[in-house]
Amino acid sequence: MRKFTPIAFCASILLASLCSAAERPNILYLYVDDMGWG
């Protein structure tokens, strides 16, 4: 079950990206501060 979840997630992302081809891609950048390093 542990190995199935990431595979199913990746497969659903791949299928969603193939089904909804947009003219301009939507790009999202996430910047996270204060992760406890240093």
Protein backbone atom coordinates (compact mmCIF):
# COMPACT_ATOMS: atom_id res chain seq x y z
CA MET A 1 0.00 0.00 0.00
CA ARG A 2 2.87 2.39 0.73
CA LYS A 3 4.34 1.97 -2.76
CA PHE A 4 0.95 2.21 -4.45
CA THR A 5 0.12 5.69 -3.14
CA PRO A 6 3.06 7.58 -4.79
CA ILE A 7 2.57 5.66 -8.03
CA ALA A 8 -1.15 6.48 -8.10
CA PHE A 9 -0.41 10.14 -7.30
CA CYS A 10 2.16 10.42 -10.10
CA ALA A 11 -0.16 8.66 -12.55
CA SER A 12 -3.04 11.01 -11.73
CA ILE A 13 -0.80 14.07 -12.18
CA LEU A 14 0.41 12.72 -15.52
CA LEU A 15 -3.12 12.01 -16.76
CA ALA A 16 -4.36 15.41 -15.62
CA SER A 17 -1.54 17.18 -17.41
CA LEU A 18 -2.20 15.26 -20.62
CA CYS A 19 -5.94 15.90 -20.56
CA SER A 20 -5.79 19.64 -19.93
CA ALA A 21 -3.30 21.08 -22.40
CA ALA A 22 -3.34 24.86 -22.03
CA GLU A 23 -1.90 27.41 -24.44
CA ARG A 24 0.18 29.04 -21.74
CA PRO A 25 1.40 26.82 -18.90
CA ASN A 26 0.56 27.80 -15.35
CA ILE A 27 3.74 27.93 -13.30
CA LEU A 28 3.58 28.20 -9.53
CA TYR A 29 6.62 29.05 -7.42
CA LEU A 30 6.50 28.40 -3.70
CA TYR A 31 9.01 30.15 -1.47
CA VAL A 32 9.02 29.04 2.15
CA ASP A 33 10.94 30.89 4.83
CA ASP A 34 11.97 29.76 8.31
CA MET A 35 12.16 26.01 7.79
CA GLY A 36 14.31 25.62 10.90
CA TRP A 37 17.66 25.44 9.12
CA GLY A 38 20.44 27.49 10.71
